[in-house]
Amino acid sequence: MLLQTDLRRRITLPPTTGIKPGDALDLEVLEDGRILLIPVEPVPRHQLWAWTAECKQAITASLADARPSTVVETEEQADKTAKRWAGED
């Protein structure tokens, strides 16, 4: 597909790309001069902590944990559960 830029170096993408007005794109210029547009979903700054490699590994490990869930309703139960998880019981 051949596209031409306007005076401000803009291009119009056809609707068949699936990219809609307002979508976020990552633009990457490759070493050979090709331009790669990658649709992205921006993550709000206050949620970035959840996207670290360590956090993703912890979530994956927790989903694979076969131990049953525990309902904690009192402070004493919370202390007991925390000690059990820390291996102090």
C-alpha atoms as a PDB file:
ATOM      1  CA  MET A   1       0.000   0.000   0.000  1.00  0.00           C
ATOM      2  CA  LEU A   2       1.424   3.344  -0.990  1.00  0.00           C
ATOM      3  CA  LEU A   3       0.815   6.334   1.311  1.00  0.00           C
ATOM      4  CA  GLN A   4       1.916   9.919   0.943  1.00  0.00           C
ATOM      5  CA  THR A   5       2.612  12.359   3.741  1.00  0.00           C
ATOM      6  CA  ASP A   6       1.001  15.777   3.890  1.00  0.00           C
ATOM      7  CA  LEU A   7       2.811  19.057   4.611  1.00  0.00           C
ATOM      8  CA  ARG A   8       3.058  18.151   8.319  1.00  0.00           C
ATOM      9  CA  ARG A   9       4.455  14.626   7.580  1.00  0.00           C
ATOM     10  CA  ARG A  10       1.147  12.987   8.546  1.00  0.00           C
ATOM     11  CA  ILE A  11      -0.357   9.929   6.884  1.00  0.00           C
ATOM     12  CA  THR A  12      -3.893   8.552   6.921  1.00  0.00           C
ATOM     13  CA  LEU A  13      -4.217   4.873   7.756  1.00  0.00           C
ATOM     14  CA  PRO A  14      -7.030   2.991   6.041  1.00  0.00           C
ATOM     15  CA  PRO A  15      -9.853   1.613   8.248  1.00  0.00           C
ATOM     16  CA  THR A  16      -8.806  -1.952   7.404  1.00  0.00           C
ATOM     17  CA  THR A  17      -5.823  -1.602   9.783  1.00  0.00           C
ATOM     18  CA  GLY A  18      -8.205  -1.688  12.746  1.00  0.00           C
ATOM     19  CA  ILE A  19      -6.581   1.429  14.202  1.00  0.00           C
ATOM     20  CA  LYS A  20      -9.154   3.973  15.329  1.00  0.00           C
ATOM     21  CA  PRO A  21      -8.822   7.701  16.083  1.00  0.00           C
ATOM     22  CA  GLY A  22      -7.316   8.125  19.547  1.00  0.00           C
ATOM     23  CA  ASP A  23      -5.587   4.715  19.628  1.00  0.00           C
ATOM     24  CA  ALA A  24      -2.064   4.743  21.079  1.00  0.00           C
ATOM     25  CA  LEU A  25       0.748   3.555  18.806  1.00  0.00           C
ATOM     26  CA  ASP A  26       4.425   2.906  19.400  1.00  0.00           C
ATOM     27  CA  LEU A  27       6.495   4.067  16.431  1.00  0.00           C
ATOM     28  CA  GLU A  28       9.791   2.326  15.842  1.00  0.00           C
ATOM     29  CA  VAL A  29      12.250   3.236  13.092  1.00  0.00           C
ATOM     30  CA  LEU A  30      14.237   0.145  12.161  1.00  0.00           C
ATOM     31  CA  GLU A  31      17.922   0.223  11.164  1.00  0.00           C
ATOM     32  CA  ASP A  32      17.038  -0.247   7.505  1.00  0.00           C
ATOM     33  CA  GLY A  33      14.703   2.796   7.574  1.00  0.00           C
ATOM     34  CA  ARG A  34      11.422   0.916   7.758  1.00  0.00           C
ATOM     35  CA  ILE A  35       8.829   2.288  10.172  1.00  0.00           C
ATOM     36  CA  LEU A  36       6.935  -0.058  12.449  1.00  0.00           C
ATOM     37  CA  LEU A  37       3.662   1.022  14.104  1.00  0.00           C
ATOM     38  CA  ILE A  38       2.682  -1.105  17.107  1.00  0.00           C
ATOM     39  CA  PRO A  39      -0.738  -0.642  18.770  1.00  0.00           C
ATOM     40  CA  VAL A  40      -0.314  -0.395  22.553  1.00  0.00           C
ATOM     41  CA  GLU A  41      -2.516  -0.087  25.622  1.00  0.00           C
ATOM     42  CA  PRO A  42      -1.041   2.591  27.873  1.00  0.00           C
ATOM     43  CA  VAL A  43      -0.769   1.705  31.551  1.00  0.00           C
ATOM     44  CA  PRO A  44      -1.633   4.465  34.041  1.00  0.00           C
ATOM     45  CA  ARG A  45       1.436   5.530  36.041  1.00  0.00           C
ATOM     46  CA  HIS A  46      -0.109   4.447  39.354  1.00  0.00           C
ATOM     47  CA  GLN A  47      -0.441   0.879  37.991  1.00  0.00           C
ATOM     48  CA  LEU A  48       3.102   0.494  36.633  1.00  0.00           C
ATOM     49  CA  TRP A  49       4.207  -1.448  39.733  1.00  0.00           C
ATOM     50  CA  ALA A  50       2.017  -4.355  38.598  1.00  0.00           C
ATOM     51  CA  TRP A  51       3.856  -4.636  35.283  1.00  0.00           C
ATOM     52  CA  THR A  52       7.353  -5.345  36.597  1.00  0.00           C
ATOM     53  CA  ALA A  53       8.885  -8.732  35.810  1.00  0.00           C
ATOM     54  CA  GLU A  54       9.019  -9.588  39.524  1.00  0.00           C
ATOM     55  CA  CYS A  55       5.340  -8.818  40.030  1.00  0.00           C
ATOM     56  CA  LYS A  56       4.327 -10.858  36.983  1.00  0.00           C
ATOM     57  CA  GLN A  57       6.352 -13.828  38.288  1.00  0.00           C
ATOM     58  CA  ALA A  58       4.741 -13.523  41.725  1.00  0.00           C
ATOM     59  CA  ILE A  59       1.265 -13.444  40.196  1.00  0.00           C
ATOM     60  CA  THR A  60       2.015 -16.470  38.020  1.00  0.00           C
ATOM     61  CA  ALA A  61       3.382 -18.368  41.030  1.00  0.00           C
ATOM     62  CA  SER A  62       0.369 -17.465  43.158  1.00  0.00           C
ATOM     63  CA  LEU A  63      -2.013 -18.753  40.488  1.00  0.00           C
ATOM     64  CA  ALA A  64      -0.158 -22.070  40.461  1.00  0.00           C
ATOM     65  CA  ASP A  65      -0.278 -22.358  44.286  1.00  0.00           C
ATOM     66  CA  ALA A  66      -2.374 -25.383  45.230  1.00  0.00           C
ATOM     67  CA  ARG A  67      -3.012 -24.217  48.800  1.00  0.00           C
ATOM     68  CA  PRO A  68      -6.640 -23.324  49.526  1.00  0.00           C
ATOM     69  CA  SER A  69      -7.606 -19.688  49.976  1.00  0.00           C
ATOM     70  CA  THR A  70      -7.968 -18.332  53.498  1.00  0.00           C
ATOM     71  CA  VAL A  71     -10.602 -15.870  54.647  1.00  0.00           C
ATOM     72  CA  VAL A  72      -9.188 -13.430  57.207  1.00  0.00           C
ATOM     73  CA  GLU A  73     -11.761 -11.541  59.251  1.00  0.00           C
ATOM     74  CA  THR A  74      -9.913 -10.499  62.406  1.00  0.00           C
ATOM     75  CA  GLU A  75      -6.550  -9.012  63.261  1.00  0.00           C
ATOM     76  CA  GLU A  76      -5.599 -12.184  65.107  1.00  0.00           C
ATOM     77  CA  GLN A  77      -6.344 -14.292  62.029  1.00  0.00           C
ATOM     78  CA  ALA A  78      -4.267 -11.881  59.927  1.00  0.00           C
ATOM     79  CA  ASP A  79      -1.305 -12.214  62.311  1.00  0.00           C
ATOM     80  CA  LYS A  80      -1.599 -16.005  62.332  1.00  0.00           C
ATOM     81  CA  THR A  81      -1.787 -16.153  58.531  1.00  0.00           C
ATOM     82  CA  ALA A  82       1.173 -13.783  58.100  1.00  0.00           C
ATOM     83  CA  LYS A  83       3.295 -15.902  60.482  1.00  0.00           C
ATOM     84  CA  ARG A  84       2.305 -19.068  58.632  1.00  0.00           C
ATOM     85  CA  TRP A  85       3.286 -17.549  55.280  1.00  0.00           C
ATOM     86  CA  ALA A  86       6.570 -16.305  56.742  1.00  0.00           C
ATOM     87  CA  GLY A  87       7.281 -19.807  58.059  1.00  0.00           C
ATOM     88  CA  GLU A  88       7.241 -18.638  61.696  1.00  0.00           C
ATOM     89  CA  ASP A  89       4.410 -20.858  62.954  1.00  0.00           C
END
